[in-house]
Amino acid sequence: MDERTFIQLGLMMALKPAQVALELSRSTSTITRELKRNEWIPPVKTWVMSVHLCRLN
């Protein structure tokens, strides 16, 4: 499994970026930079935003 997939799955399982970084032997700042670069939105926030948008329509 590549690191980006591991990051995504780890965060979907509610791991904190520091926990993901520890598992990958990377610094926490590396993980958080990757999340910002790829505009990561946690699944719960995505779901809440979609429900909110549906109610507006």
C-alpha atoms as a PDB file:
ATOM      1  CA  MET A   1       0.000   0.000   0.000  1.00  0.00           C
ATOM      2  CA  ASP A   2       1.411   3.404  -0.859  1.00  0.00           C
ATOM      3  CA  GLU A   3       1.765   6.102   1.792  1.00  0.00           C
ATOM      4  CA  ARG A   4      -1.011   8.347   0.491  1.00  0.00           C
ATOM      5  CA  THR A   5      -3.467   5.475   0.660  1.00  0.00           C
ATOM      6  CA  PHE A   6      -2.317   4.679   4.190  1.00  0.00           C
ATOM      7  CA  ILE A   7      -2.769   8.335   5.199  1.00  0.00           C
ATOM      8  CA  GLN A   8      -6.279   8.415   3.783  1.00  0.00           C
ATOM      9  CA  LEU A   9      -7.314   5.140   5.395  1.00  0.00           C
ATOM     10  CA  GLY A  10      -5.741   6.074   8.714  1.00  0.00           C
ATOM     11  CA  LEU A  11      -7.603   9.361   8.858  1.00  0.00           C
ATOM     12  CA  MET A  12     -10.853   7.699   7.825  1.00  0.00           C
ATOM     13  CA  MET A  13     -10.358   5.415  10.849  1.00  0.00           C
ATOM     14  CA  ALA A  14     -10.041   8.563  13.019  1.00  0.00           C
ATOM     15  CA  LEU A  15      -6.287   8.333  13.523  1.00  0.00           C
ATOM     16  CA  LYS A  16      -4.648  11.672  14.214  1.00  0.00           C
ATOM     17  CA  PRO A  17      -1.975  12.900  11.783  1.00  0.00           C
ATOM     18  CA  ALA A  18       0.657  12.304  14.491  1.00  0.00           C
ATOM     19  CA  GLN A  19      -0.393   8.646  14.752  1.00  0.00           C
ATOM     20  CA  VAL A  20      -0.244   8.221  10.975  1.00  0.00           C
ATOM     21  CA  ALA A  21       3.183   9.878  10.930  1.00  0.00           C
ATOM     22  CA  LEU A  22       4.452   7.501  13.607  1.00  0.00           C
ATOM     23  CA  GLU A  23       3.258   4.463  11.649  1.00  0.00           C
ATOM     24  CA  LEU A  24       4.962   5.720   8.481  1.00  0.00           C
ATOM     25  CA  SER A  25       8.133   6.870  10.249  1.00  0.00           C
ATOM     26  CA  ARG A  26       7.542  10.392   8.995  1.00  0.00           C
ATOM     27  CA  SER A  27       7.289  13.709  10.801  1.00  0.00           C
ATOM     28  CA  THR A  28       3.849  15.019  11.683  1.00  0.00           C
ATOM     29  CA  SER A  29       4.524  18.146   9.614  1.00  0.00           C
ATOM     30  CA  THR A  30       5.097  15.981   6.526  1.00  0.00           C
ATOM     31  CA  ILE A  31       1.675  14.389   6.971  1.00  0.00           C
ATOM     32  CA  THR A  32      -0.120  17.681   7.633  1.00  0.00           C
ATOM     33  CA  ARG A  33       1.561  19.301   4.598  1.00  0.00           C
ATOM     34  CA  GLU A  34       0.391  16.385   2.460  1.00  0.00           C
ATOM     35  CA  LEU A  35      -3.148  16.804   3.775  1.00  0.00           C
ATOM     36  CA  LYS A  36      -3.157  20.526   2.979  1.00  0.00           C
ATOM     37  CA  ARG A  37      -1.627  19.958  -0.445  1.00  0.00           C
ATOM     38  CA  ASN A  38      -4.346  17.493  -1.389  1.00  0.00           C
ATOM     39  CA  GLU A  39      -7.185  19.394   0.308  1.00  0.00           C
ATOM     40  CA  TRP A  40      -8.154  16.481   2.545  1.00  0.00           C
ATOM     41  CA  ILE A  41     -11.647  16.768   4.014  1.00  0.00           C
ATOM     42  CA  PRO A  42     -12.547  14.175   6.665  1.00  0.00           C
ATOM     43  CA  PRO A  43     -15.488  11.952   5.641  1.00  0.00           C
ATOM     44  CA  VAL A  44     -17.707  13.265   8.454  1.00  0.00           C
ATOM     45  CA  LYS A  45     -17.268  16.864   7.308  1.00  0.00           C
ATOM     46  CA  THR A  46     -17.976  15.816   3.724  1.00  0.00           C
ATOM     47  CA  TRP A  47     -21.195  14.114   4.825  1.00  0.00           C
ATOM     48  CA  VAL A  48     -22.304  17.100   6.921  1.00  0.00           C
ATOM     49  CA  MET A  49     -21.593  19.506   4.051  1.00  0.00           C
ATOM     50  CA  SER A  50     -23.583  17.376   1.576  1.00  0.00           C
ATOM     51  CA  VAL A  51     -26.569  17.163   3.959  1.00  0.00           C
ATOM     52  CA  HIS A  52     -26.443  20.925   4.442  1.00  0.00           C
ATOM     53  CA  LEU A  53     -26.314  21.533   0.686  1.00  0.00           C
ATOM     54  CA  CYS A  54     -29.258  19.170   0.115  1.00  0.00           C
ATOM     55  CA  ARG A  55     -31.329  21.123   2.624  1.00  0.00           C
ATOM     56  CA  LEU A  56     -30.567  24.380   0.817  1.00  0.00           C
ATOM     57  CA  ASN A  57     -31.938  23.060  -2.485  1.00  0.00           C
END
